[in-house]
Amino acid sequence: MDCLFCKIANKQINAKIAFENERVIAFHDLFPQAPVHVLIIPKTHYTTLNDVPMTEGAILGELVTTAVHIAKELGVAESGYRVVMNCNADGGQSVYHIHLHLLAGRRLSWPPG
């Protein structure tokens, strides 16, 4: 498999790691859209949200709780942050390995897209 995020999770490509445990890895985005822009991914490959079986849905909760942990660690939890997941082309997904974006460090506008 030629998945960029799998290569990061397997340490075949360097990234600035923000958090890691046995199931999840988080790293700073190379092309940040906010002063804080961290990508949080499961180490297991799921192409899109549509591909996560209900029996493995707990990983999605772990992505969110990891985002909360990182927001606190980076000092942006109190001022506010956004978490975003895109699914497929019309949803804005560009890397086909599920990932959650943690965006913070400035006032974020709404609607986002």
C-alpha atoms as a PDB file:
ATOM      1  CA  MET A   1       0.000   0.000   0.000  1.00  0.00           C
ATOM      2  CA  ASP A   2       1.314   3.416  -0.918  1.00  0.00           C
ATOM      3  CA  CYS A   3      -0.417   5.443   1.802  1.00  0.00           C
ATOM      4  CA  LEU A   4       1.369   8.598   2.951  1.00  0.00           C
ATOM      5  CA  PHE A   5      -0.176   8.470   6.427  1.00  0.00           C
ATOM      6  CA  CYS A   6       0.631   4.759   6.867  1.00  0.00           C
ATOM      7  CA  LYS A   7       4.232   5.630   6.044  1.00  0.00           C
ATOM      8  CA  ILE A   8       4.210   8.328   8.724  1.00  0.00           C
ATOM      9  CA  ALA A   9       2.627   5.937  11.248  1.00  0.00           C
ATOM     10  CA  ASN A  10       5.261   3.310  10.413  1.00  0.00           C
ATOM     11  CA  LYS A  11       8.072   5.917  10.703  1.00  0.00           C
ATOM     12  CA  GLN A  12       9.060   5.531   7.048  1.00  0.00           C
ATOM     13  CA  ILE A  13       8.497   9.278   6.606  1.00  0.00           C
ATOM     14  CA  ASN A  14       9.497  11.842   9.225  1.00  0.00           C
ATOM     15  CA  ALA A  15       6.879  14.083  10.777  1.00  0.00           C
ATOM     16  CA  LYS A  16       6.731  16.455  13.731  1.00  0.00           C
ATOM     17  CA  ILE A  17       4.898  14.183  16.186  1.00  0.00           C
ATOM     18  CA  ALA A  18       2.480  15.807  18.632  1.00  0.00           C
ATOM     19  CA  PHE A  19       1.236  12.578  20.264  1.00  0.00           C
ATOM     20  CA  GLU A  20       1.544   8.838  19.879  1.00  0.00           C
ATOM     21  CA  ASN A  21       0.289   5.695  21.562  1.00  0.00           C
ATOM     22  CA  GLU A  22      -0.211   2.131  20.325  1.00  0.00           C
ATOM     23  CA  ARG A  23      -3.377   2.973  18.299  1.00  0.00           C
ATOM     24  CA  VAL A  24      -3.086   6.648  17.305  1.00  0.00           C
ATOM     25  CA  ILE A  25      -0.436   9.035  16.052  1.00  0.00           C
ATOM     26  CA  ALA A  26      -0.782  12.823  15.688  1.00  0.00           C
ATOM     27  CA  PHE A  27       1.515  15.125  13.780  1.00  0.00           C
ATOM     28  CA  HIS A  28       1.699  18.747  12.692  1.00  0.00           C
ATOM     29  CA  ASP A  29       0.368  19.432   9.189  1.00  0.00           C
ATOM     30  CA  LEU A  30       3.018  20.431   6.635  1.00  0.00           C
ATOM     31  CA  PHE A  31       0.599  22.938   5.089  1.00  0.00           C
ATOM     32  CA  PRO A  32      -1.196  24.401   8.135  1.00  0.00           C
ATOM     33  CA  GLN A  33      -4.495  26.199   7.683  1.00  0.00           C
ATOM     34  CA  ALA A  34      -4.294  27.745  11.173  1.00  0.00           C
ATOM     35  CA  PRO A  35      -1.471  28.514  13.633  1.00  0.00           C
ATOM     36  CA  VAL A  36      -2.194  25.116  15.206  1.00  0.00           C
ATOM     37  CA  HIS A  37      -2.997  22.392  12.670  1.00  0.00           C
ATOM     38  CA  VAL A  38      -2.470  18.835  13.853  1.00  0.00           C
ATOM     39  CA  LEU A  39      -3.581  15.701  12.017  1.00  0.00           C
ATOM     40  CA  ILE A  40      -4.678  12.777  14.177  1.00  0.00           C
ATOM     41  CA  ILE A  41      -4.838   9.350  12.558  1.00  0.00           C
ATOM     42  CA  PRO A  42      -5.401   5.760  13.593  1.00  0.00           C
ATOM     43  CA  LYS A  43      -2.371   3.559  12.969  1.00  0.00           C
ATOM     44  CA  THR A  44      -4.735   1.067  11.351  1.00  0.00           C
ATOM     45  CA  HIS A  45      -5.566   2.049   7.794  1.00  0.00           C
ATOM     46  CA  TYR A  46      -9.171   2.959   7.032  1.00  0.00           C
ATOM     47  CA  THR A  47      -9.548   4.649   3.663  1.00  0.00           C
ATOM     48  CA  THR A  48     -12.619   6.770   4.548  1.00  0.00           C
ATOM     49  CA  LEU A  49     -15.057   7.109   7.424  1.00  0.00           C
ATOM     50  CA  ASN A  50     -17.344   4.828   5.422  1.00  0.00           C
ATOM     51  CA  ASP A  51     -14.798   2.033   5.859  1.00  0.00           C
ATOM     52  CA  VAL A  52     -14.714   1.977   9.673  1.00  0.00           C
ATOM     53  CA  PRO A  53     -16.778  -1.029  10.821  1.00  0.00           C
ATOM     54  CA  MET A  54     -19.248  -0.384  13.638  1.00  0.00           C
ATOM     55  CA  THR A  55     -17.335  -2.946  15.696  1.00  0.00           C
ATOM     56  CA  GLU A  56     -14.230  -0.730  15.453  1.00  0.00           C
ATOM     57  CA  GLY A  57     -15.959   2.615  15.995  1.00  0.00           C
ATOM     58  CA  ALA A  58     -14.181   3.204  19.308  1.00  0.00           C
ATOM     59  CA  ILE A  59     -11.161   4.398  17.312  1.00  0.00           C
ATOM     60  CA  LEU A  60     -13.180   7.439  16.227  1.00  0.00           C
ATOM     61  CA  GLY A  61     -13.774   8.382  19.850  1.00  0.00           C
ATOM     62  CA  GLU A  62     -10.078   7.961  20.537  1.00  0.00           C
ATOM     63  CA  LEU A  63      -9.243  10.367  17.714  1.00  0.00           C
ATOM     64  CA  VAL A  64     -11.512  12.984  19.317  1.00  0.00           C
ATOM     65  CA  THR A  65     -10.217  12.475  22.866  1.00  0.00           C
ATOM     66  CA  THR A  66      -6.674  12.677  21.509  1.00  0.00           C
ATOM     67  CA  ALA A  67      -7.566  16.027  19.932  1.00  0.00           C
ATOM     68  CA  VAL A  68      -8.798  17.282  23.313  1.00  0.00           C
ATOM     69  CA  HIS A  69      -5.571  16.120  24.977  1.00  0.00           C
ATOM     70  CA  ILE A  70      -3.419  17.846  22.337  1.00  0.00           C
ATOM     71  CA  ALA A  71      -5.487  21.063  22.524  1.00  0.00           C
ATOM     72  CA  LYS A  72      -4.861  21.176  26.277  1.00  0.00           C
ATOM     73  CA  GLU A  73      -1.153  20.389  25.816  1.00  0.00           C
ATOM     74  CA  LEU A  74      -0.767  23.160  23.228  1.00  0.00           C
ATOM     75  CA  GLY A  75      -2.675  25.681  25.366  1.00  0.00           C
ATOM     76  CA  VAL A  76      -5.579  26.259  22.982  1.00  0.00           C
ATOM     77  CA  ALA A  77      -8.338  24.326  24.745  1.00  0.00           C
ATOM     78  CA  GLU A  78      -9.718  27.313  26.643  1.00  0.00           C
ATOM     79  CA  SER A  79      -9.669  29.798  23.773  1.00  0.00           C
ATOM     80  CA  GLY A  80     -11.208  27.257  21.405  1.00  0.00           C
ATOM     81  CA  TYR A  81     -10.472  24.893  18.565  1.00  0.00           C
ATOM     82  CA  ARG A  82     -12.153  22.996  15.773  1.00  0.00           C
ATOM     83  CA  VAL A  83     -12.017  19.315  14.869  1.00  0.00           C
ATOM     84  CA  VAL A  84     -12.854  18.297  11.302  1.00  0.00           C
ATOM     85  CA  MET A  85     -13.032  15.024   9.404  1.00  0.00           C
ATOM     86  CA  ASN A  86     -13.562  14.988   5.643  1.00  0.00           C
ATOM     87  CA  CYS A  87     -15.013  12.025   3.762  1.00  0.00           C
ATOM     88  CA  ASN A  88     -14.426  11.417   0.052  1.00  0.00           C
ATOM     89  CA  ALA A  89     -13.894  13.993  -2.692  1.00  0.00           C
ATOM     90  CA  ASP A  90     -16.997  16.154  -2.212  1.00  0.00           C
ATOM     91  CA  GLY A  91     -16.286  16.252   1.530  1.00  0.00           C
ATOM     92  CA  GLY A  92     -12.789  17.585   0.893  1.00  0.00           C
ATOM     93  CA  GLN A  93     -10.777  14.446   1.662  1.00  0.00           C
ATOM     94  CA  SER A  94      -7.402  14.571  -0.091  1.00  0.00           C
ATOM     95  CA  VAL A  95      -5.481  11.813   1.704  1.00  0.00           C
ATOM     96  CA  TYR A  96      -7.344   8.511   1.765  1.00  0.00           C
ATOM     97  CA  HIS A  97      -6.515   7.395   5.304  1.00  0.00           C
ATOM     98  CA  ILE A  98      -9.013   8.732   7.836  1.00  0.00           C
ATOM     99  CA  HIS A  99      -7.721  11.664   9.801  1.00  0.00           C
ATOM    100  CA  LEU A 100      -9.042  14.308  12.116  1.00  0.00           C
ATOM    101  CA  HIS A 101      -7.844  17.900  11.780  1.00  0.00           C
ATOM    102  CA  LEU A 102      -7.298  19.899  14.979  1.00  0.00           C
ATOM    103  CA  LEU A 103      -7.325  23.604  14.077  1.00  0.00           C
ATOM    104  CA  ALA A 104      -6.716  26.427  16.535  1.00  0.00           C
ATOM    105  CA  GLY A 105      -4.698  29.504  17.344  1.00  0.00           C
ATOM    106  CA  ARG A 106      -6.968  32.075  15.686  1.00  0.00           C
ATOM    107  CA  ARG A 107     -10.683  32.826  15.398  1.00  0.00           C
ATOM    108  CA  LEU A 108     -12.117  30.337  12.938  1.00  0.00           C
ATOM    109  CA  SER A 109     -14.906  31.527  10.650  1.00  0.00           C
ATOM    110  CA  TRP A 110     -18.208  29.800   9.921  1.00  0.00           C
ATOM    111  CA  PRO A 111     -19.378  28.327   7.665  1.00  0.00           C
ATOM    112  CA  PRO A 112     -16.090  26.577   6.933  1.00  0.00           C
ATOM    113  CA  GLY A 113     -16.515  25.750   3.248  1.00  0.00           C
END
